[in-house]
Protein backbone atom coordinates (compact mmCIF):
# COMPACT_ATOMS: atom_id res chain seq x y z
CA MET A 1 25.00 -19.02 -15.40
CA ALA A 2 23.69 -20.57 -12.29
CA THR A 3 20.24 -20.15 -11.26
CA SER A 4 19.55 -18.53 -7.67
CA ARG A 5 17.47 -19.91 -5.37
CA ILE A 6 15.76 -17.51 -2.77
CA GLU A 7 13.72 -17.85 0.22
CA ALA A 8 11.62 -14.82 1.29
CA ARG A 9 8.95 -13.70 3.51
CA ALA A 10 5.83 -12.52 1.12
CA TRP A 11 2.49 -11.49 0.45
CA LEU A 12 0.54 -12.30 -2.61
CA LEU A 13 -0.65 -8.89 -4.33
CA HIS A 14 -2.14 -10.35 -7.52
CA SER A 15 -2.32 -13.25 -9.78
CA THR A 16 -3.11 -13.69 -13.49
CA PRO A 17 -3.77 -16.93 -15.41
CA TYR A 18 -0.77 -18.23 -17.49
CA ARG A 19 -0.88 -20.80 -20.17
CA GLU A 20 -3.29 -23.79 -19.29
CA SER A 21 -2.46 -24.60 -15.85
CA SER A 22 -0.12 -21.92 -14.25
CA LEU A 23 -0.33 -18.38 -12.76
CA VAL A 24 1.88 -15.45 -12.91
CA VAL A 25 1.82 -14.06 -9.25
CA ASP A 26 3.07 -10.92 -8.03
CA LEU A 27 4.62 -11.13 -4.73
CA PHE A 28 5.59 -8.37 -2.24
CA THR A 29 8.69 -9.79 -0.28
CA ARG A 30 10.50 -8.30 2.73
CA GLU A 31 13.87 -8.97 1.35
CA HIS A 32 13.71 -8.15 -2.26
CA GLY A 33 10.63 -6.02 -2.82
CA ARG A 34 8.02 -6.93 -5.57
CA ILE A 35 8.81 -9.68 -7.84
CA ALA A 36 6.74 -11.46 -10.41
CA ALA A 37 6.94 -15.26 -10.59
CA VAL A 38 5.49 -18.26 -12.51
CA ALA A 39 3.68 -20.67 -10.47
CA LYS A 40 3.67 -23.70 -12.56
CA GLY A 41 0.59 -26.01 -12.37
CA ALA A 42 -0.96 -23.75 -9.65
CA LYS A 43 -4.40 -24.00 -11.25
CA ARG A 44 -4.47 -27.75 -11.00
CA PRO A 45 -6.75 -28.96 -8.19
CA ARG A 46 -4.03 -31.16 -6.75
CA SER A 47 -1.18 -28.43 -6.77
CA ALA A 48 0.21 -27.86 -3.39
CA LEU A 49 0.62 -24.15 -4.35
CA ARG A 50 -3.03 -23.74 -5.24
CA ALA A 51 -4.10 -24.12 -1.49
CA VAL A 52 -1.61 -21.51 -0.05
CA LEU A 53 -1.54 -18.72 -2.71
CA LEU A 54 -3.92 -16.62 -1.07
CA GLN A 55 -3.94 -13.01 -0.61
CA PHE A 56 -3.87 -11.30 2.86
CA GLN A 57 -1.95 -14.09 4.27
CA PRO A 58 1.70 -14.11 5.16
CA LEU A 59 3.53 -16.62 3.18
CA GLN A 60 7.07 -17.92 3.04
CA VAL A 61 8.07 -18.64 -0.57
CA VAL A 62 10.98 -20.01 -2.63
CA TYR A 63 11.69 -18.98 -6.11
CA SER A 64 14.42 -19.24 -8.42
CA GLY A 65 15.72 -17.52 -11.77
CA ARG A 66 17.35 -14.44 -12.76
CA GLY A 67 15.02 -12.62 -15.31
CA GLU A 68 12.05 -10.36 -14.73
CA LEU A 69 9.86 -13.38 -14.48
CA ARG A 70 11.09 -15.90 -11.75
CA THR A 71 9.80 -19.49 -11.15
CA LEU A 72 7.96 -20.03 -7.92
CA THR A 73 8.99 -23.37 -6.55
CA GLY A 74 7.30 -23.41 -3.20
CA ALA A 75 5.21 -21.46 -0.64
CA GLU A 76 4.18 -22.12 2.82
CA TRP A 77 1.44 -20.38 4.88
CA VAL A 78 3.03 -18.99 8.03
CA GLY A 79 0.42 -18.01 10.37
CA GLY A 80 -3.18 -17.05 10.64
CA LEU A 81 -4.55 -13.66 10.20
CA ALA A 82 -8.42 -12.87 10.53
CA ALA A 83 -9.50 -12.16 6.77
CA PRO A 84 -10.54 -8.70 6.02
CA GLN A 85 -14.50 -8.51 5.42
CA GLY A 86 -16.87 -6.24 3.71
CA ASP A 87 -15.56 -2.81 3.32
CA ALA A 88 -12.37 -3.71 5.02
CA LEU A 89 -11.66 -6.38 2.06
CA LEU A 90 -12.01 -3.49 -0.37
CA CYS A 91 -9.59 -1.65 1.59
CA ALA A 92 -7.18 -4.46 1.57
CA PHE A 93 -7.53 -4.73 -2.11
CA TYR A 94 -6.87 -0.94 -2.49
CA LEU A 95 -3.71 -1.27 -0.33
CA ASN A 96 -2.55 -4.02 -2.98
CA GLU A 97 -3.37 -1.81 -5.95
CA LEU A 98 -1.27 1.03 -4.31
CA LEU A 99 1.62 -1.32 -4.05
CA MET A 100 1.18 -2.67 -7.74
CA ARG A 101 1.07 0.99 -9.18
CA LEU A 102 3.62 2.71 -7.28
CA LEU A 103 6.30 0.27 -5.97
CA ALA A 104 9.15 -0.49 -8.50
CA ARG A 105 9.82 -4.18 -8.96
CA GLU A 106 12.90 -5.67 -6.91
CA ASP A 107 13.02 -2.34 -4.85
CA PRO A 108 13.08 -3.63 -1.08
CA HIS A 109 11.26 -1.74 1.58
CA ALA A 110 11.38 -3.67 4.73
CA PRO A 111 9.45 -0.86 6.76
CA LEU A 112 6.97 -0.88 4.15
CA PHE A 113 6.53 -4.46 4.34
CA ASP A 114 6.00 -4.41 8.02
CA ALA A 115 3.51 -1.51 7.65
CA TYR A 116 1.60 -3.67 5.25
CA GLY A 117 1.44 -6.69 7.57
CA GLU A 118 0.35 -4.30 10.19
CA ALA A 119 -2.57 -2.71 7.94
CA ILE A 120 -3.95 -6.15 6.88
CA ALA A 121 -4.01 -7.37 10.54
CA ARG A 122 -5.83 -3.98 11.55
CA LEU A 123 -8.42 -4.37 8.78
CA GLY A 124 -9.05 -7.98 9.67
CA GLU A 125 -9.58 -6.88 13.33
CA GLY A 126 -11.98 -4.10 12.34
CA THR A 127 -9.94 -1.19 13.19
CA ALA A 128 -11.00 2.17 11.94
CA LEU A 129 -10.74 2.06 8.31
CA ASP A 130 -9.71 5.55 7.63
CA GLU A 131 -6.85 5.79 10.18
CA THR A 132 -5.46 2.26 8.86
CA LEU A 133 -5.48 3.46 5.31
CA ARG A 134 -3.96 6.96 6.05
CA ARG A 135 -1.22 5.42 8.00
CA PHE A 136 -0.31 3.07 5.11
CA GLU A 137 -0.58 5.65 2.37
CA TRP A 138 1.94 7.79 4.19
CA GLN A 139 4.26 5.02 5.00
CA LEU A 140 4.36 4.23 1.32
CA LEU A 141 4.70 7.84 0.35
CA ARG A 142 7.85 8.20 2.63
CA GLU A 143 9.37 4.94 1.55
CA ILE A 144 9.28 5.86 -2.17
CA GLY A 145 10.25 9.38 -1.67
CA TYR A 146 6.94 11.24 -2.47
CA ALA A 147 5.88 12.22 0.95
CA PRO A 148 5.83 16.06 1.46
CA ASP A 149 7.58 17.54 4.63
CA LEU A 150 5.06 17.56 7.29
CA GLU A 151 7.13 19.49 9.91
CA ARG A 152 8.28 22.59 7.76
CA ASP A 153 6.47 24.39 4.99
CA ALA A 154 7.82 25.65 1.65
CA ALA A 155 9.57 28.53 3.22
CA SER A 156 11.39 26.19 5.92
CA HIS A 157 9.05 27.61 8.79
CA PRO A 158 7.57 24.99 11.33
CA ILE A 159 4.08 23.65 10.53
CA GLU A 160 1.86 25.45 13.02
CA ALA A 161 -1.20 23.52 14.38
CA VAL A 162 -3.50 26.88 14.21
CA ARG A 163 -2.62 27.91 10.67
CA HIS A 164 -3.83 26.39 7.53
CA TYR A 165 -1.86 25.23 4.39
CA ARG A 166 -2.13 24.33 0.84
CA TRP A 167 -0.20 21.60 -0.77
CA SER A 168 1.42 22.38 -4.03
CA PRO A 169 3.45 19.53 -6.09
CA GLY A 170 7.26 20.03 -6.12
CA SER A 171 7.07 22.92 -3.45
CA GLY A 172 5.17 21.30 -0.60
CA PHE A 173 3.03 23.36 1.90
CA THR A 174 2.36 27.20 1.80
CA ALA A 175 0.38 29.15 4.40
CA CYS A 176 -3.16 29.99 3.20
CA GLU A 177 -6.51 31.26 4.71
CA ALA A 178 -8.82 28.68 6.27
CA ASP A 179 -11.49 29.09 3.62
CA ASP A 180 -9.28 28.02 0.81
CA GLU A 181 -10.81 25.02 -0.81
CA SER A 182 -7.93 22.85 -0.60
CA ALA A 183 -6.62 24.18 3.07
CA VAL A 184 -5.52 21.49 5.48
CA SER A 185 -4.85 22.73 9.17
CA GLY A 186 -1.52 22.35 10.47
CA ALA A 187 -2.99 20.19 13.28
CA THR A 188 -4.15 17.76 10.53
CA LEU A 189 -0.52 17.73 9.22
CA HIS A 190 0.53 16.85 12.82
CA ASP A 191 -2.00 14.23 13.20
CA ILE A 192 -0.82 12.63 9.84
CA ALA A 193 2.67 12.49 11.01
CA THR A 194 1.65 10.62 14.14
CA GLY A 195 -1.00 8.48 12.35
CA ARG A 196 -3.77 9.38 14.95
CA PHE A 197 -6.61 11.68 14.38
CA ALA A 198 -8.34 13.81 16.97
CA SER A 199 -11.24 14.80 14.88
CA THR A 200 -13.64 13.95 12.09
CA ALA A 201 -12.57 17.07 10.16
CA GLY A 202 -8.89 16.05 10.50
CA ARG A 203 -9.82 12.86 9.21
CA GLN A 204 -11.62 14.23 6.10
CA GLN A 205 -8.68 16.57 5.45
CA ALA A 206 -6.14 13.80 5.75
CA LYS A 207 -8.38 11.82 3.15
CA TYR A 208 -8.55 14.69 0.67
CA LEU A 209 -4.80 15.59 0.91
CA SER A 210 -3.80 11.96 0.59
CA ARG A 211 -6.20 11.54 -2.51
CA ALA A 212 -4.40 14.59 -4.07
CA ILE A 213 -0.82 13.56 -3.61
CA LEU A 214 -1.46 9.95 -4.73
CA SER A 215 -3.24 11.10 -7.76
CA HIS A 216 -0.36 13.59 -8.73
CA HIS A 217 2.09 10.61 -8.52
CA LEU A 218 -0.16 8.37 -10.55
CA ASP A 219 -0.42 10.97 -13.29
CA GLY A 220 -4.14 11.15 -12.60
CA ALA A 221 -4.73 7.64 -13.53
CA PRO A 222 -7.63 6.36 -11.42
CA LEU A 223 -7.26 3.48 -8.95
CA ASN A 224 -9.97 1.08 -9.57
CA THR A 225 -10.54 0.05 -5.80
CA ARG A 226 -10.46 3.62 -4.70
CA GLN A 227 -13.53 4.48 -7.22
CA ILE A 228 -15.47 1.69 -5.83
CA LEU A 229 -14.86 2.97 -2.36
CA ILE A 230 -15.72 6.35 -3.07
CA ASP A 231 -18.99 5.43 -4.82
CA LEU A 232 -19.65 3.75 -1.38
CA GLN A 233 -18.54 6.69 0.47
CA LYS A 234 -15.97 4.69 2.23
CA LEU A 235 -12.60 6.02 1.37
């Protein structure tokens, strides 16, 4: 069987040592989704791959093979972005961990690829971390089919800004009292839909709602980067 050769735009999500001088890299590509590939010799000081296999920088890659583990044969850096620093860098690692945990292999999501690039650019520019994270989290949830309806509640009634709602797995939002410990205002749900938050309270509600939904779909397994950010009170 002939070996396929594929060129793709990509981001490096994660890498692990492989044998003496190579790496296994997890790449998020626009055209083919998340793929794993062996970067042969990438740990060697003079390797052409070593210098360009950087996280949070856009790449053009070439890989071949047909199994679950491809072979990376080339990679080029295709444009500069300001690298996230400090808290923004931790947030960027959090985005990578979300993709690694929730995105199936070889399941392309071009809008999500574009949203990831936008999020990394915003983190590098110092844009508000919470809004950047919420936008990406919800784009991810929509793309993989886990996002609840933000326009209608479980009874198919329109979400009203002046009311409060509780999210339940499998059913969506149901109306509740404002003093319910898991209550989210309809105004916050509207903010989530637009990706712009009008108040600090809305940002907090959106954060706790996103955390609950993601935790449910991760079967309660903790995210390492999220725990670091929670400890620092940044997420």
